[in-house]
Structures are given as C-alpha cells and as structure tokens.
Amino acid sequence: MKRIAAMAACIVLTTAGAALAAVGGGDIAMKNKGGDVVFSHELHVEGAQLECTQCHEKLYLSVKQHTKVSMKQMQKGKSCGACHNGKMAFSVKGDCAKCHKK
C-alpha cells in the first residue's frame, strides 16, 4: 500500500512540475497564411523581463482579441507592434522569418 501511495505521489509531482515549467500561458501558436507564428511567454517574461501586466489588461484582454491582427495594424502600433517598433524591440517591418515559420 505504501508503495502505491509513493508511486502516486511521484506521478503527481512529475505532472505538476511539468505544468509549472511553462511560463505564463506557455507557447501560443497562431495560424497565419504568411507562416505560423509561435508566441513564447517564456521568451517575453524571462528573456525580456516583462511583467504580465505590461501586455495583459492593456494589449490583450482575451485570446479572441488578438487572433486577427494584420501586419498593417501592427505597423501602426497595434498588438505585437506596440513593442516591436524598432525601439523597444525589433520591428515588425522587415525580416518576416523572425516570427513567421513555414
């Protein structure tokens, strides 16, 4: 009985550890005709040292809010373009392969 309880505890801890390893909401894959884009919470939160509130409650209130944003809108400072303007972070103009993967 103790062996079963110990095994169950190991499974729970292993599963919980993997769930906690994803920073924020983990990676978010967005389908796009120009090549899919994967948004990495870890890259932005840990890599760029951004706080969650710098994007959420300001730029992104829900998943539906930022699923349909054009490059033209981003170049005007909407969505990703609010930070990816060439000053705060690399610009959304130029090297498409930085974000879009085919």
C-alpha atoms as a PDB file:
ATOM      1  CA  MET A   1       0.000   0.000   0.000  1.00  0.00           C
ATOM      2  CA  LYS A   2       2.833   2.397   0.862  1.00  0.00           C
ATOM      3  CA  ARG A   3       4.471   1.567  -2.462  1.00  0.00           C
ATOM      4  CA  ILE A   4       1.292   2.525  -4.366  1.00  0.00           C
ATOM      5  CA  ALA A   5       0.985   5.785  -2.425  1.00  0.00           C
ATOM      6  CA  ALA A   6       4.635   6.628  -3.108  1.00  0.00           C
ATOM      7  CA  MET A   7       4.227   5.917  -6.830  1.00  0.00           C
ATOM      8  CA  ALA A   8       1.085   8.038  -6.970  1.00  0.00           C
ATOM      9  CA  ALA A   9       2.894  10.898  -5.228  1.00  0.00           C
ATOM     10  CA  CYS A  10       5.761  10.670  -7.755  1.00  0.00           C
ATOM     11  CA  ILE A  11       3.339  10.788 -10.676  1.00  0.00           C
ATOM     12  CA  VAL A  12       1.538  13.804  -9.221  1.00  0.00           C
ATOM     13  CA  LEU A  13       4.798  15.663  -8.547  1.00  0.00           C
ATOM     14  CA  THR A  14       6.167  14.884 -12.007  1.00  0.00           C
ATOM     15  CA  THR A  15       2.973  16.076 -13.696  1.00  0.00           C
ATOM     16  CA  ALA A  16       2.747  19.203 -11.542  1.00  0.00           C
ATOM     17  CA  GLY A  17       6.404  20.025 -12.215  1.00  0.00           C
ATOM     18  CA  ALA A  18       5.862  19.885 -15.965  1.00  0.00           C
ATOM     19  CA  ALA A  19       2.790  22.091 -15.702  1.00  0.00           C
ATOM     20  CA  LEU A  20       4.647  24.664 -13.622  1.00  0.00           C
ATOM     21  CA  ALA A  21       7.579  24.656 -16.062  1.00  0.00           C
ATOM     22  CA  ALA A  22       5.515  26.531 -18.690  1.00  0.00           C
ATOM     23  CA  VAL A  23       5.894  30.241 -18.012  1.00  0.00           C
ATOM     24  CA  GLY A  24       2.668  32.229 -18.166  1.00  0.00           C
ATOM     25  CA  GLY A  25       0.433  30.598 -20.704  1.00  0.00           C
ATOM     26  CA  GLY A  26       3.245  28.671 -22.366  1.00  0.00           C
ATOM     27  CA  ASP A  27       3.625  28.962 -26.110  1.00  0.00           C
ATOM     28  CA  ILE A  28       0.713  30.194 -28.188  1.00  0.00           C
ATOM     29  CA  ALA A  29       0.572  29.016 -31.804  1.00  0.00           C
ATOM     30  CA  MET A  30      -1.200  31.296 -34.260  1.00  0.00           C
ATOM     31  CA  LYS A  31      -2.056  30.053 -37.743  1.00  0.00           C
ATOM     32  CA  ASN A  32      -1.148  32.517 -40.479  1.00  0.00           C
ATOM     33  CA  LYS A  33      -1.111  32.419 -44.289  1.00  0.00           C
ATOM     34  CA  GLY A  34       2.352  34.029 -44.302  1.00  0.00           C
ATOM     35  CA  GLY A  35       3.669  31.327 -41.965  1.00  0.00           C
ATOM     36  CA  ASP A  36       2.558  30.315 -38.490  1.00  0.00           C
ATOM     37  CA  VAL A  37       3.681  32.420 -35.534  1.00  0.00           C
ATOM     38  CA  VAL A  38       4.522  30.979 -32.121  1.00  0.00           C
ATOM     39  CA  PHE A  39       4.361  33.446 -29.242  1.00  0.00           C
ATOM     40  CA  SER A  40       6.593  32.394 -26.355  1.00  0.00           C
ATOM     41  CA  HIS A  41       5.565  33.638 -22.912  1.00  0.00           C
ATOM     42  CA  GLU A  42       8.915  32.425 -21.568  1.00  0.00           C
ATOM     43  CA  LEU A  43      10.899  34.478 -24.087  1.00  0.00           C
ATOM     44  CA  HIS A  44       8.939  37.615 -23.217  1.00  0.00           C
ATOM     45  CA  VAL A  45       8.598  37.135 -19.441  1.00  0.00           C
ATOM     46  CA  GLU A  46      12.005  35.702 -18.591  1.00  0.00           C
ATOM     47  CA  GLY A  47      14.033  36.699 -21.644  1.00  0.00           C
ATOM     48  CA  ALA A  48      12.812  40.291 -21.993  1.00  0.00           C
ATOM     49  CA  GLN A  49      11.918  40.519 -18.280  1.00  0.00           C
ATOM     50  CA  LEU A  50       8.401  41.807 -18.953  1.00  0.00           C
ATOM     51  CA  GLU A  51       5.662  41.730 -16.342  1.00  0.00           C
ATOM     52  CA  CYS A  52       2.394  40.016 -17.317  1.00  0.00           C
ATOM     53  CA  THR A  53       0.517  43.278 -16.767  1.00  0.00           C
ATOM     54  CA  GLN A  54       2.565  45.047 -19.428  1.00  0.00           C
ATOM     55  CA  CYS A  55       0.555  43.170 -22.055  1.00  0.00           C
ATOM     56  CA  HIS A  56      -2.470  41.735 -20.306  1.00  0.00           C
ATOM     57  CA  GLU A  57      -5.209  44.154 -19.410  1.00  0.00           C
ATOM     58  CA  LYS A  58      -3.714  46.635 -21.906  1.00  0.00           C
ATOM     59  CA  LEU A  59      -2.981  44.962 -25.236  1.00  0.00           C
ATOM     60  CA  TYR A  60      -4.523  41.539 -24.732  1.00  0.00           C
ATOM     61  CA  LEU A  61      -7.688  41.064 -22.745  1.00  0.00           C
ATOM     62  CA  SER A  62      -8.613  37.722 -24.265  1.00  0.00           C
ATOM     63  CA  VAL A  63      -7.494  35.195 -26.871  1.00  0.00           C
ATOM     64  CA  LYS A  64     -10.194  36.413 -29.276  1.00  0.00           C
ATOM     65  CA  GLN A  65      -8.936  39.983 -29.097  1.00  0.00           C
ATOM     66  CA  HIS A  66      -5.594  39.237 -30.734  1.00  0.00           C
ATOM     67  CA  THR A  67      -6.290  36.422 -33.168  1.00  0.00           C
ATOM     68  CA  LYS A  68      -6.991  38.648 -36.182  1.00  0.00           C
ATOM     69  CA  VAL A  69      -4.452  41.420 -36.456  1.00  0.00           C
ATOM     70  CA  SER A  70      -2.961  42.444 -39.765  1.00  0.00           C
ATOM     71  CA  MET A  71       0.657  43.387 -40.370  1.00  0.00           C
ATOM     72  CA  LYS A  72      -0.604  46.828 -41.403  1.00  0.00           C
ATOM     73  CA  GLN A  73      -2.259  47.223 -37.977  1.00  0.00           C
ATOM     74  CA  MET A  74       0.905  46.020 -36.214  1.00  0.00           C
ATOM     75  CA  GLN A  75       2.991  48.526 -38.170  1.00  0.00           C
ATOM     76  CA  LYS A  76       0.688  51.205 -36.717  1.00  0.00           C
ATOM     77  CA  GLY A  77       1.414  50.031 -33.158  1.00  0.00           C
ATOM     78  CA  LYS A  78      -1.396  47.543 -32.580  1.00  0.00           C
ATOM     79  CA  SER A  79      -0.898  44.130 -30.971  1.00  0.00           C
ATOM     80  CA  CYS A  80       2.753  42.985 -31.259  1.00  0.00           C
ATOM     81  CA  GLY A  81       3.624  46.280 -32.942  1.00  0.00           C
ATOM     82  CA  ALA A  82       3.078  48.134 -29.660  1.00  0.00           C
ATOM     83  CA  CYS A  83       6.534  46.944 -28.557  1.00  0.00           C
ATOM     84  CA  HIS A  84       8.003  45.571 -31.787  1.00  0.00           C
ATOM     85  CA  ASN A  85       8.501  49.042 -33.240  1.00  0.00           C
ATOM     86  CA  GLY A  86      12.276  49.050 -33.720  1.00  0.00           C
ATOM     87  CA  LYS A  87      12.812  50.976 -30.471  1.00  0.00           C
ATOM     88  CA  MET A  88      11.618  48.722 -27.651  1.00  0.00           C
ATOM     89  CA  ALA A  89      12.144  45.502 -29.622  1.00  0.00           C
ATOM     90  CA  PHE A  90      12.906  44.538 -33.216  1.00  0.00           C
ATOM     91  CA  SER A  91      10.425  45.984 -35.687  1.00  0.00           C
ATOM     92  CA  VAL A  92       7.531  44.045 -37.206  1.00  0.00           C
ATOM     93  CA  LYS A  93       8.720  45.504 -40.519  1.00  0.00           C
ATOM     94  CA  GLY A  94      11.462  43.655 -42.341  1.00  0.00           C
ATOM     95  CA  ASP A  95      12.623  40.126 -41.582  1.00  0.00           C
ATOM     96  CA  CYS A  96       9.392  38.095 -41.644  1.00  0.00           C
ATOM     97  CA  ALA A  97      11.215  34.877 -40.667  1.00  0.00           C
ATOM     98  CA  LYS A  98      11.858  36.239 -37.148  1.00  0.00           C
ATOM     99  CA  CYS A  99       8.227  35.488 -36.312  1.00  0.00           C
ATOM    100  CA  HIS A 100       6.693  33.571 -39.225  1.00  0.00           C
ATOM    101  CA  LYS A 101       7.709  29.932 -39.672  1.00  0.00           C
ATOM    102  CA  LYS A 102       6.703  27.913 -42.721  1.00  0.00           C
END
